[in-house]
mmCIF file of all heavy atoms, coordinates in Angstrom:
data_MODEL
# 
_entry.id   MODEL 
# 
loop_
_atom_site.group_PDB 
_atom_site.id 
_atom_site.type_symbol 
_atom_site.label_atom_id 
_atom_site.label_alt_id 
_atom_site.label_comp_id 
_atom_site.label_asym_id 
_atom_site.label_entity_id 
_atom_site.label_seq_id 
_atom_site.pdbx_PDB_ins_code 
_atom_site.Cartn_x 
_atom_site.Cartn_y 
_atom_site.Cartn_z 
_atom_site.occupancy 
_atom_site.B_iso_or_equiv 
_atom_site.pdbx_formal_charge 
_atom_site.auth_seq_id 
_atom_site.auth_comp_id 
_atom_site.auth_asym_id 
_atom_site.auth_atom_id 
_atom_site.pdbx_PDB_model_num 
ATOM 1   N N   . ARG A 1 1  ? 4.480   -4.107  -4.252 1.00 0.00 ? 1  ARG A N   1 
ATOM 2   C CA  . ARG A 1 1  ? 4.078   -5.183  -3.323 1.00 0.00 ? 1  ARG A CA  1 
ATOM 3   C C   . ARG A 1 1  ? 4.019   -6.466  -4.134 1.00 0.00 ? 1  ARG A C   1 
ATOM 4   O O   . ARG A 1 1  ? 4.456   -7.540  -3.625 1.00 0.00 ? 1  ARG A O   1 
ATOM 5   C CB  . ARG A 1 1  ? 2.690   -4.891  -2.807 1.00 0.00 ? 1  ARG A CB  1 
ATOM 6   C CG  . ARG A 1 1  ? 2.322   -5.822  -1.611 1.00 0.00 ? 1  ARG A CG  1 
ATOM 7   C CD  . ARG A 1 1  ? 0.799   -5.637  -1.271 1.00 0.00 ? 1  ARG A CD  1 
ATOM 8   N NE  . ARG A 1 1  ? 0.471   -6.129  -0.007 1.00 0.00 ? 1  ARG A NE  1 
ATOM 9   C CZ  . ARG A 1 1  ? 0.181   -7.359  0.354  1.00 0.00 ? 1  ARG A CZ  1 
ATOM 10  N NH1 . ARG A 1 1  ? 0.248   -8.330  -0.533 1.00 0.00 ? 1  ARG A NH1 1 
ATOM 11  N NH2 . ARG A 1 1  ? -0.207  -7.640  1.618  1.00 0.00 ? 1  ARG A NH2 1 
ATOM 12  N N   . GLY A 1 2  ? 3.622   -6.487  -5.392 1.00 0.00 ? 2  GLY A N   1 
ATOM 13  C CA  . GLY A 1 2  ? 3.627   -7.685  -6.176 1.00 0.00 ? 2  GLY A CA  1 
ATOM 14  C C   . GLY A 1 2  ? 4.993   -8.175  -6.508 1.00 0.00 ? 2  GLY A C   1 
ATOM 15  O O   . GLY A 1 2  ? 5.215   -9.349  -6.649 1.00 0.00 ? 2  GLY A O   1 
ATOM 16  N N   . LEU A 1 3  ? 5.931   -7.292  -6.653 1.00 0.00 ? 3  LEU A N   1 
ATOM 17  C CA  . LEU A 1 3  ? 7.318   -7.681  -6.892 1.00 0.00 ? 3  LEU A CA  1 
ATOM 18  C C   . LEU A 1 3  ? 7.984   -8.310  -5.725 1.00 0.00 ? 3  LEU A C   1 
ATOM 19  O O   . LEU A 1 3  ? 8.720   -9.240  -5.749 1.00 0.00 ? 3  LEU A O   1 
ATOM 20  C CB  . LEU A 1 3  ? 8.138   -6.469  -7.380 1.00 0.00 ? 3  LEU A CB  1 
ATOM 21  C CG  . LEU A 1 3  ? 8.013   -6.048  -8.833 1.00 0.00 ? 3  LEU A CG  1 
ATOM 22  C CD1 . LEU A 1 3  ? 8.816   -4.735  -9.056 1.00 0.00 ? 3  LEU A CD1 1 
ATOM 23  C CD2 . LEU A 1 3  ? 8.444   -7.116  -9.801 1.00 0.00 ? 3  LEU A CD2 1 
ATOM 24  N N   . PHE A 1 4  ? 7.683   -7.679  -4.514 1.00 0.00 ? 4  PHE A N   1 
ATOM 25  C CA  . PHE A 1 4  ? 8.511   -7.989  -3.319 1.00 0.00 ? 4  PHE A CA  1 
ATOM 26  C C   . PHE A 1 4  ? 7.767   -8.884  -2.305 1.00 0.00 ? 4  PHE A C   1 
ATOM 27  O O   . PHE A 1 4  ? 8.382   -9.676  -1.576 1.00 0.00 ? 4  PHE A O   1 
ATOM 28  C CB  . PHE A 1 4  ? 8.958   -6.726  -2.616 1.00 0.00 ? 4  PHE A CB  1 
ATOM 29  C CG  . PHE A 1 4  ? 9.670   -5.780  -3.549 1.00 0.00 ? 4  PHE A CG  1 
ATOM 30  C CD1 . PHE A 1 4  ? 9.321   -4.448  -3.601 1.00 0.00 ? 4  PHE A CD1 1 
ATOM 31  C CD2 . PHE A 1 4  ? 10.680  -6.157  -4.343 1.00 0.00 ? 4  PHE A CD2 1 
ATOM 32  C CE1 . PHE A 1 4  ? 9.925   -3.514  -4.422 1.00 0.00 ? 4  PHE A CE1 1 
ATOM 33  C CE2 . PHE A 1 4  ? 11.371  -5.321  -5.165 1.00 0.00 ? 4  PHE A CE2 1 
ATOM 34  C CZ  . PHE A 1 4  ? 11.015  -3.985  -5.224 1.00 0.00 ? 4  PHE A CZ  1 
ATOM 35  N N   . ASP A 1 5  ? 6.436   -8.783  -2.248 1.00 0.00 ? 5  ASP A N   1 
ATOM 36  C CA  . ASP A 1 5  ? 5.747   -9.501  -1.137 1.00 0.00 ? 5  ASP A CA  1 
ATOM 37  C C   . ASP A 1 5  ? 4.339   -9.775  -1.521 1.00 0.00 ? 5  ASP A C   1 
ATOM 38  O O   . ASP A 1 5  ? 3.345   -9.380  -0.815 1.00 0.00 ? 5  ASP A O   1 
ATOM 39  C CB  . ASP A 1 5  ? 5.766   -8.595  0.136  1.00 0.00 ? 5  ASP A CB  1 
ATOM 40  C CG  . ASP A 1 5  ? 5.487   -9.423  1.395  1.00 0.00 ? 5  ASP A CG  1 
ATOM 41  O OD1 . ASP A 1 5  ? 5.629   -10.640 1.372  1.00 0.00 ? 5  ASP A OD1 1 
ATOM 42  O OD2 . ASP A 1 5  ? 5.175   -8.754  2.422  1.00 0.00 ? 5  ASP A OD2 1 
ATOM 43  N N   . PRO A 1 6  ? 4.093   -10.524 -2.603 1.00 0.00 ? 6  PRO A N   1 
ATOM 44  C CA  . PRO A 1 6  ? 2.752   -10.707 -3.111 1.00 0.00 ? 6  PRO A CA  1 
ATOM 45  C C   . PRO A 1 6  ? 1.822   -11.577 -2.282 1.00 0.00 ? 6  PRO A C   1 
ATOM 46  O O   . PRO A 1 6  ? 0.612   -11.456 -2.399 1.00 0.00 ? 6  PRO A O   1 
ATOM 47  C CB  . PRO A 1 6  ? 2.992   -11.326 -4.511 1.00 0.00 ? 6  PRO A CB  1 
ATOM 48  C CG  . PRO A 1 6  ? 4.256   -12.103 -4.352 1.00 0.00 ? 6  PRO A CG  1 
ATOM 49  C CD  . PRO A 1 6  ? 5.092   -11.184 -3.441 1.00 0.00 ? 6  PRO A CD  1 
ATOM 50  N N   . ASP A 1 7  ? 2.380   -12.447 -1.471 1.00 0.00 ? 7  ASP A N   1 
ATOM 51  C CA  . ASP A 1 7  ? 1.563   -13.462 -0.806 1.00 0.00 ? 7  ASP A CA  1 
ATOM 52  C C   . ASP A 1 7  ? 1.146   -13.024 0.622  1.00 0.00 ? 7  ASP A C   1 
ATOM 53  O O   . ASP A 1 7  ? 0.396   -13.750 1.295  1.00 0.00 ? 7  ASP A O   1 
ATOM 54  C CB  . ASP A 1 7  ? 2.395   -14.751 -0.699 1.00 0.00 ? 7  ASP A CB  1 
ATOM 55  C CG  . ASP A 1 7  ? 2.725   -15.286 -2.087 1.00 0.00 ? 7  ASP A CG  1 
ATOM 56  O OD1 . ASP A 1 7  ? 1.852   -15.127 -2.960 1.00 0.00 ? 7  ASP A OD1 1 
ATOM 57  O OD2 . ASP A 1 7  ? 3.825   -15.825 -2.251 1.00 0.00 ? 7  ASP A OD2 1 
ATOM 58  N N   . ALA A 1 8  ? 1.626   -11.857 1.103  1.00 0.00 ? 8  ALA A N   1 
ATOM 59  C CA  . ALA A 1 8  ? 1.255   -11.424 2.402  1.00 0.00 ? 8  ALA A CA  1 
ATOM 60  C C   . ALA A 1 8  ? -0.278  -11.085 2.514  1.00 0.00 ? 8  ALA A C   1 
ATOM 61  O O   . ALA A 1 8  ? -0.819  -10.643 1.493  1.00 0.00 ? 8  ALA A O   1 
ATOM 62  C CB  . ALA A 1 8  ? 2.107   -10.201 2.815  1.00 0.00 ? 8  ALA A CB  1 
ATOM 63  N N   . ALA A 1 9  ? -0.848  -11.276 3.648  1.00 0.00 ? 9  ALA A N   1 
ATOM 64  C CA  . ALA A 1 9  ? -2.264  -10.930 3.925  1.00 0.00 ? 9  ALA A CA  1 
ATOM 65  C C   . ALA A 1 9  ? -2.394  -9.423  3.815  1.00 0.00 ? 9  ALA A C   1 
ATOM 66  O O   . ALA A 1 9  ? -1.429  -8.682  4.093  1.00 0.00 ? 9  ALA A O   1 
ATOM 67  C CB  . ALA A 1 9  ? -2.719  -11.414 5.251  1.00 0.00 ? 9  ALA A CB  1 
ATOM 68  N N   . PRO A 1 10 ? -3.584  -8.904  3.442  1.00 0.00 ? 10 PRO A N   1 
ATOM 69  C CA  . PRO A 1 10 ? -3.802  -7.446  3.374  1.00 0.00 ? 10 PRO A CA  1 
ATOM 70  C C   . PRO A 1 10 ? -3.422  -6.754  4.695  1.00 0.00 ? 10 PRO A C   1 
ATOM 71  O O   . PRO A 1 10 ? -3.865  -7.210  5.761  1.00 0.00 ? 10 PRO A O   1 
ATOM 72  C CB  . PRO A 1 10 ? -5.250  -7.351  3.057  1.00 0.00 ? 10 PRO A CB  1 
ATOM 73  C CG  . PRO A 1 10 ? -5.626  -8.611  2.367  1.00 0.00 ? 10 PRO A CG  1 
ATOM 74  C CD  . PRO A 1 10 ? -4.729  -9.671  2.990  1.00 0.00 ? 10 PRO A CD  1 
ATOM 75  N N   . GLY A 1 11 ? -2.604  -5.728  4.597  1.00 0.00 ? 11 GLY A N   1 
ATOM 76  C CA  . GLY A 1 11 ? -2.197  -5.000  5.776  1.00 0.00 ? 11 GLY A CA  1 
ATOM 77  C C   . GLY A 1 11 ? -1.027  -5.589  6.510  1.00 0.00 ? 11 GLY A C   1 
ATOM 78  O O   . GLY A 1 11 ? -0.533  -4.996  7.482  1.00 0.00 ? 11 GLY A O   1 
ATOM 79  N N   . GLU A 1 12 ? -0.562  -6.733  6.099  1.00 0.00 ? 12 GLU A N   1 
ATOM 80  C CA  . GLU A 1 12 ? 0.481   -7.442  6.857  1.00 0.00 ? 12 GLU A CA  1 
ATOM 81  C C   . GLU A 1 12 ? 1.846   -7.240  6.193  1.00 0.00 ? 12 GLU A C   1 
ATOM 82  O O   . GLU A 1 12 ? 2.899   -7.632  6.783  1.00 0.00 ? 12 GLU A O   1 
ATOM 83  C CB  . GLU A 1 12 ? 0.185   -8.919  6.944  1.00 0.00 ? 12 GLU A CB  1 
ATOM 84  C CG  . GLU A 1 12 ? -1.073  -9.217  7.743  1.00 0.00 ? 12 GLU A CG  1 
ATOM 85  C CD  . GLU A 1 12 ? -0.946  -8.710  9.208  1.00 0.00 ? 12 GLU A CD  1 
ATOM 86  O OE1 . GLU A 1 12 ? 0.137   -8.880  9.821  1.00 0.00 ? 12 GLU A OE1 1 
ATOM 87  O OE2 . GLU A 1 12 ? -1.909  -8.095  9.695  1.00 0.00 ? 12 GLU A OE2 1 
ATOM 88  N N   . SER A 1 13 ? 1.941   -6.635  5.036  1.00 0.00 ? 13 SER A N   1 
ATOM 89  C CA  . SER A 1 13 ? 3.207   -6.547  4.334  1.00 0.00 ? 13 SER A CA  1 
ATOM 90  C C   . SER A 1 13 ? 3.866   -5.255  4.716  1.00 0.00 ? 13 SER A C   1 
ATOM 91  O O   . SER A 1 13 ? 3.214   -4.160  4.877  1.00 0.00 ? 13 SER A O   1 
ATOM 92  C CB  . SER A 1 13 ? 2.987   -6.606  2.778  1.00 0.00 ? 13 SER A CB  1 
ATOM 93  O OG  . SER A 1 13 ? 4.186   -6.244  2.135  1.00 0.00 ? 13 SER A OG  1 
ATOM 94  N N   . PRO A 1 14 ? 5.214   -5.182  4.783  1.00 0.00 ? 14 PRO A N   1 
ATOM 95  C CA  . PRO A 1 14 ? 5.880   -3.920  4.987  1.00 0.00 ? 14 PRO A CA  1 
ATOM 96  C C   . PRO A 1 14 ? 5.726   -2.933  3.819  1.00 0.00 ? 14 PRO A C   1 
ATOM 97  O O   . PRO A 1 14 ? 6.091   -1.795  3.917  1.00 0.00 ? 14 PRO A O   1 
ATOM 98  C CB  . PRO A 1 14 ? 7.393   -4.335  5.159  1.00 0.00 ? 14 PRO A CB  1 
ATOM 99  C CG  . PRO A 1 14 ? 7.465   -5.697  4.534  1.00 0.00 ? 14 PRO A CG  1 
ATOM 100 C CD  . PRO A 1 14 ? 6.167   -6.334  4.772  1.00 0.00 ? 14 PRO A CD  1 
ATOM 101 N N   . PHE A 1 15 ? 5.189   -3.462  2.721  1.00 0.00 ? 15 PHE A N   1 
ATOM 102 C CA  . PHE A 1 15 ? 4.957   -2.627  1.548  1.00 0.00 ? 15 PHE A CA  1 
ATOM 103 C C   . PHE A 1 15 ? 3.474   -2.114  1.446  1.00 0.00 ? 15 PHE A C   1 
ATOM 104 O O   . PHE A 1 15 ? 3.139   -1.530  0.447  1.00 0.00 ? 15 PHE A O   1 
ATOM 105 C CB  . PHE A 1 15 ? 5.361   -3.373  0.312  1.00 0.00 ? 15 PHE A CB  1 
ATOM 106 C CG  . PHE A 1 15 ? 6.806   -3.832  0.307  1.00 0.00 ? 15 PHE A CG  1 
ATOM 107 C CD1 . PHE A 1 15 ? 7.144   -5.095  0.661  1.00 0.00 ? 15 PHE A CD1 1 
ATOM 108 C CD2 . PHE A 1 15 ? 7.790   -2.963  0.035  1.00 0.00 ? 15 PHE A CD2 1 
ATOM 109 C CE1 . PHE A 1 15 ? 8.467   -5.534  0.703  1.00 0.00 ? 15 PHE A CE1 1 
ATOM 110 C CE2 . PHE A 1 15 ? 9.156   -3.320  0.131  1.00 0.00 ? 15 PHE A CE2 1 
ATOM 111 C CZ  . PHE A 1 15 ? 9.496   -4.661  0.474  1.00 0.00 ? 15 PHE A CZ  1 
ATOM 112 N N   . ASP A 1 16 ? 2.744   -2.328  2.489  1.00 0.00 ? 16 ASP A N   1 
ATOM 113 C CA  . ASP A 1 16 ? 1.357   -1.769  2.536  1.00 0.00 ? 16 ASP A CA  1 
ATOM 114 C C   . ASP A 1 16 ? 1.413   -0.387  3.169  1.00 0.00 ? 16 ASP A C   1 
ATOM 115 O O   . ASP A 1 16 ? 1.879   -0.221  4.305  1.00 0.00 ? 16 ASP A O   1 
ATOM 116 C CB  . ASP A 1 16 ? 0.499   -2.651  3.403  1.00 0.00 ? 16 ASP A CB  1 
ATOM 117 C CG  . ASP A 1 16 ? 0.173   -3.998  2.663  1.00 0.00 ? 16 ASP A CG  1 
ATOM 118 O OD1 . ASP A 1 16 ? 0.132   -4.037  1.455  1.00 0.00 ? 16 ASP A OD1 1 
ATOM 119 O OD2 . ASP A 1 16 ? -0.091  -5.024  3.397  1.00 0.00 ? 16 ASP A OD2 1 
ATOM 120 N N   . HIS A 1 17 ? 0.995   0.603   2.423  1.00 0.00 ? 17 HIS A N   1 
ATOM 121 C CA  . HIS A 1 17 ? 0.808   1.964   2.971  1.00 0.00 ? 17 HIS A CA  1 
ATOM 122 C C   . HIS A 1 17 ? -0.216  2.738   2.109  1.00 0.00 ? 17 HIS A C   1 
ATOM 123 O O   . HIS A 1 17 ? -0.613  2.290   1.116  1.00 0.00 ? 17 HIS A O   1 
ATOM 124 C CB  . HIS A 1 17 ? 2.177   2.708   3.021  1.00 0.00 ? 17 HIS A CB  1 
ATOM 125 C CG  . HIS A 1 17 ? 2.891   2.747   1.668  1.00 0.00 ? 17 HIS A CG  1 
ATOM 126 N ND1 . HIS A 1 17 ? 3.841   1.935   1.309  1.00 0.00 ? 17 HIS A ND1 1 
ATOM 127 C CD2 . HIS A 1 17 ? 2.714   3.670   0.652  1.00 0.00 ? 17 HIS A CD2 1 
ATOM 128 C CE1 . HIS A 1 17 ? 4.229   2.206   0.061  1.00 0.00 ? 17 HIS A CE1 1 
ATOM 129 N NE2 . HIS A 1 17 ? 3.522   3.288   -0.346 1.00 0.00 ? 17 HIS A NE2 1 
ATOM 130 N N   . MET A 1 18 ? -0.520  3.926   2.654  1.00 0.00 ? 18 MET A N   1 
ATOM 131 C CA  . MET A 1 18 ? -1.548  4.757   2.019  1.00 0.00 ? 18 MET A CA  1 
ATOM 132 C C   . MET A 1 18 ? -0.914  5.947   1.272  1.00 0.00 ? 18 MET A C   1 
ATOM 133 O O   . MET A 1 18 ? 0.162   6.385   1.608  1.00 0.00 ? 18 MET A O   1 
ATOM 134 C CB  . MET A 1 18 ? -2.530  5.288   3.074  1.00 0.00 ? 18 MET A CB  1 
ATOM 135 C CG  . MET A 1 18 ? -3.489  4.263   3.661  1.00 0.00 ? 18 MET A CG  1 
ATOM 136 S SD  . MET A 1 18 ? -4.730  3.794   2.464  1.00 0.00 ? 18 MET A SD  1 
ATOM 137 C CE  . MET A 1 18 ? -5.742  5.297   2.318  1.00 0.00 ? 18 MET A CE  1 
ATOM 138 N N   . ILE A 1 19 ? -1.659  6.360   0.292  1.00 0.00 ? 19 ILE A N   1 
ATOM 139 C CA  . ILE A 1 19 ? -1.343  7.613   -0.433 1.00 0.00 ? 19 ILE A CA  1 
ATOM 140 C C   . ILE A 1 19 ? -2.453  8.577   -0.120 1.00 0.00 ? 19 ILE A C   1 
ATOM 141 O O   . ILE A 1 19 ? -3.633  8.351   -0.425 1.00 0.00 ? 19 ILE A O   1 
ATOM 142 C CB  . ILE A 1 19 ? -1.249  7.400   -1.941 1.00 0.00 ? 19 ILE A CB  1 
ATOM 143 C CG1 . ILE A 1 19 ? -0.443  6.174   -2.333 1.00 0.00 ? 19 ILE A CG1 1 
ATOM 144 C CG2 . ILE A 1 19 ? -0.690  8.698   -2.615 1.00 0.00 ? 19 ILE A CG2 1 
ATOM 145 C CD1 . ILE A 1 19 ? 1.031   6.175   -1.918 1.00 0.00 ? 19 ILE A CD1 1 
ATOM 146 N N   . TRP A 1 20 ? -2.071  9.689   0.567  1.00 0.00 ? 20 TRP A N   1 
ATOM 147 C CA  . TRP A 1 20 ? -3.071  10.739  0.893  1.00 0.00 ? 20 TRP A CA  1 
ATOM 148 C C   . TRP A 1 20 ? -2.873  11.938  0.010  1.00 0.00 ? 20 TRP A C   1 
ATOM 149 O O   . TRP A 1 20 ? -1.709  12.332  -0.214 1.00 0.00 ? 20 TRP A O   1 
ATOM 150 C CB  . TRP A 1 20 ? -2.896  11.124  2.364  1.00 0.00 ? 20 TRP A CB  1 
ATOM 151 C CG  . TRP A 1 20 ? -2.972  9.965   3.348  1.00 0.00 ? 20 TRP A CG  1 
ATOM 152 C CD1 . TRP A 1 20 ? -1.867  9.279   3.822  1.00 0.00 ? 20 TRP A CD1 1 
ATOM 153 C CD2 . TRP A 1 20 ? -4.110  9.415   3.937  1.00 0.00 ? 20 TRP A CD2 1 
ATOM 154 N NE1 . TRP A 1 20 ? -2.335  8.290   4.727  1.00 0.00 ? 20 TRP A NE1 1 
ATOM 155 C CE2 . TRP A 1 20 ? -3.695  8.354   4.824  1.00 0.00 ? 20 TRP A CE2 1 
ATOM 156 C CE3 . TRP A 1 20 ? -5.488  9.682   3.852  1.00 0.00 ? 20 TRP A CE3 1 
ATOM 157 C CZ2 . TRP A 1 20 ? -4.576  7.610   5.539  1.00 0.00 ? 20 TRP A CZ2 1 
ATOM 158 C CZ3 . TRP A 1 20 ? -6.375  8.887   4.558  1.00 0.00 ? 20 TRP A CZ3 1 
ATOM 159 C CH2 . TRP A 1 20 ? -5.942  7.892   5.402  1.00 0.00 ? 20 TRP A CH2 1 
ATOM 160 N N   . CYS A 1 21 ? -3.930  12.614  -0.388 1.00 0.00 ? 21 CYS A N   1 
ATOM 161 C CA  . CYS A 1 21 ? -3.844  13.726  -1.279 1.00 0.00 ? 21 CYS A CA  1 
ATOM 162 C C   . CYS A 1 21 ? -4.867  14.777  -0.874 1.00 0.00 ? 21 CYS A C   1 
ATOM 163 O O   . CYS A 1 21 ? -6.049  14.424  -0.611 1.00 0.00 ? 21 CYS A O   1 
ATOM 164 C CB  . CYS A 1 21 ? -4.135  13.244  -2.729 1.00 0.00 ? 21 CYS A CB  1 
ATOM 165 S SG  . CYS A 1 21 ? -4.138  14.548  -3.925 1.00 0.00 ? 21 CYS A SG  1 
ATOM 166 N N   . PHE A 1 22 ? -4.449  15.990  -0.778 1.00 0.00 ? 22 PHE A N   1 
ATOM 167 C CA  . PHE A 1 22 ? -5.343  17.136  -0.592 1.00 0.00 ? 22 PHE A CA  1 
ATOM 168 C C   . PHE A 1 22 ? -5.570  17.804  -1.954 1.00 0.00 ? 22 PHE A C   1 
ATOM 169 O O   . PHE A 1 22 ? -4.599  18.073  -2.676 1.00 0.00 ? 22 PHE A O   1 
ATOM 170 C CB  . PHE A 1 22 ? -4.804  18.170  0.403  1.00 0.00 ? 22 PHE A CB  1 
ATOM 171 C CG  . PHE A 1 22 ? -4.965  17.863  1.851  1.00 0.00 ? 22 PHE A CG  1 
ATOM 172 C CD1 . PHE A 1 22 ? -5.421  16.608  2.245  1.00 0.00 ? 22 PHE A CD1 1 
ATOM 173 C CD2 . PHE A 1 22 ? -4.635  18.816  2.787  1.00 0.00 ? 22 PHE A CD2 1 
ATOM 174 C CE1 . PHE A 1 22 ? -5.565  16.352  3.617  1.00 0.00 ? 22 PHE A CE1 1 
ATOM 175 C CE2 . PHE A 1 22 ? -4.784  18.550  4.177  1.00 0.00 ? 22 PHE A CE2 1 
ATOM 176 C CZ  . PHE A 1 22 ? -5.247  17.297  4.573  1.00 0.00 ? 22 PHE A CZ  1 
ATOM 177 N N   . ALA A 1 23 ? -6.811  18.063  -2.303 1.00 0.00 ? 23 ALA A N   1 
ATOM 178 C CA  . ALA A 1 23 ? -7.125  18.720  -3.583 1.00 0.00 ? 23 ALA A CA  1 
ATOM 179 C C   . ALA A 1 23 ? -8.162  19.776  -3.381 1.00 0.00 ? 23 ALA A C   1 
ATOM 180 O O   . ALA A 1 23 ? -8.847  19.828  -2.413 1.00 0.00 ? 23 ALA A O   1 
ATOM 181 C CB  . ALA A 1 23 ? -7.685  17.595  -4.499 1.00 0.00 ? 23 ALA A CB  1 
ATOM 182 N N   . SER A 1 24 ? -8.190  20.672  -4.372 1.00 0.00 ? 24 SER A N   1 
ATOM 183 C CA  . SER A 1 24 ? -9.126  21.789  -4.303 1.00 0.00 ? 24 SER A CA  1 
ATOM 184 C C   . SER A 1 24 ? -10.070 21.787  -5.479 1.00 0.00 ? 24 SER A C   1 
ATOM 185 O O   . SER A 1 24 ? -10.027 20.952  -6.384 1.00 0.00 ? 24 SER A O   1 
ATOM 186 C CB  . SER A 1 24 ? -8.274  23.100  -4.393 1.00 0.00 ? 24 SER A CB  1 
ATOM 187 O OG  . SER A 1 24 ? -7.582  23.167  -5.675 1.00 0.00 ? 24 SER A OG  1 
ATOM 188 N N   . GLU A 1 25 ? -10.984 22.767  -5.535 1.00 0.00 ? 25 GLU A N   1 
ATOM 189 C CA  . GLU A 1 25 ? -11.880 22.868  -6.671 1.00 0.00 ? 25 GLU A CA  1 
ATOM 190 C C   . GLU A 1 25 ? -11.096 23.010  -7.980 1.00 0.00 ? 25 GLU A C   1 
ATOM 191 O O   . GLU A 1 25 ? -11.444 22.448  -8.995 1.00 0.00 ? 25 GLU A O   1 
ATOM 192 C CB  . GLU A 1 25 ? -12.815 24.093  -6.553 1.00 0.00 ? 25 GLU A CB  1 
ATOM 193 C CG  . GLU A 1 25 ? -14.083 23.787  -5.834 1.00 0.00 ? 25 GLU A CG  1 
ATOM 194 C CD  . GLU A 1 25 ? -14.087 24.264  -4.396 1.00 0.00 ? 25 GLU A CD  1 
ATOM 195 O OE1 . GLU A 1 25 ? -13.065 24.771  -3.939 1.00 0.00 ? 25 GLU A OE1 1 
ATOM 196 O OE2 . GLU A 1 25 ? -15.162 24.216  -3.767 1.00 0.00 ? 25 GLU A OE2 1 
# 
């Protein structure tokens, strides 16, 4: 995001997305 679209507002950049992870004991 910093390389391609650093000035966009939070959540407004096409490079904003989540990383979801399932984990166990």
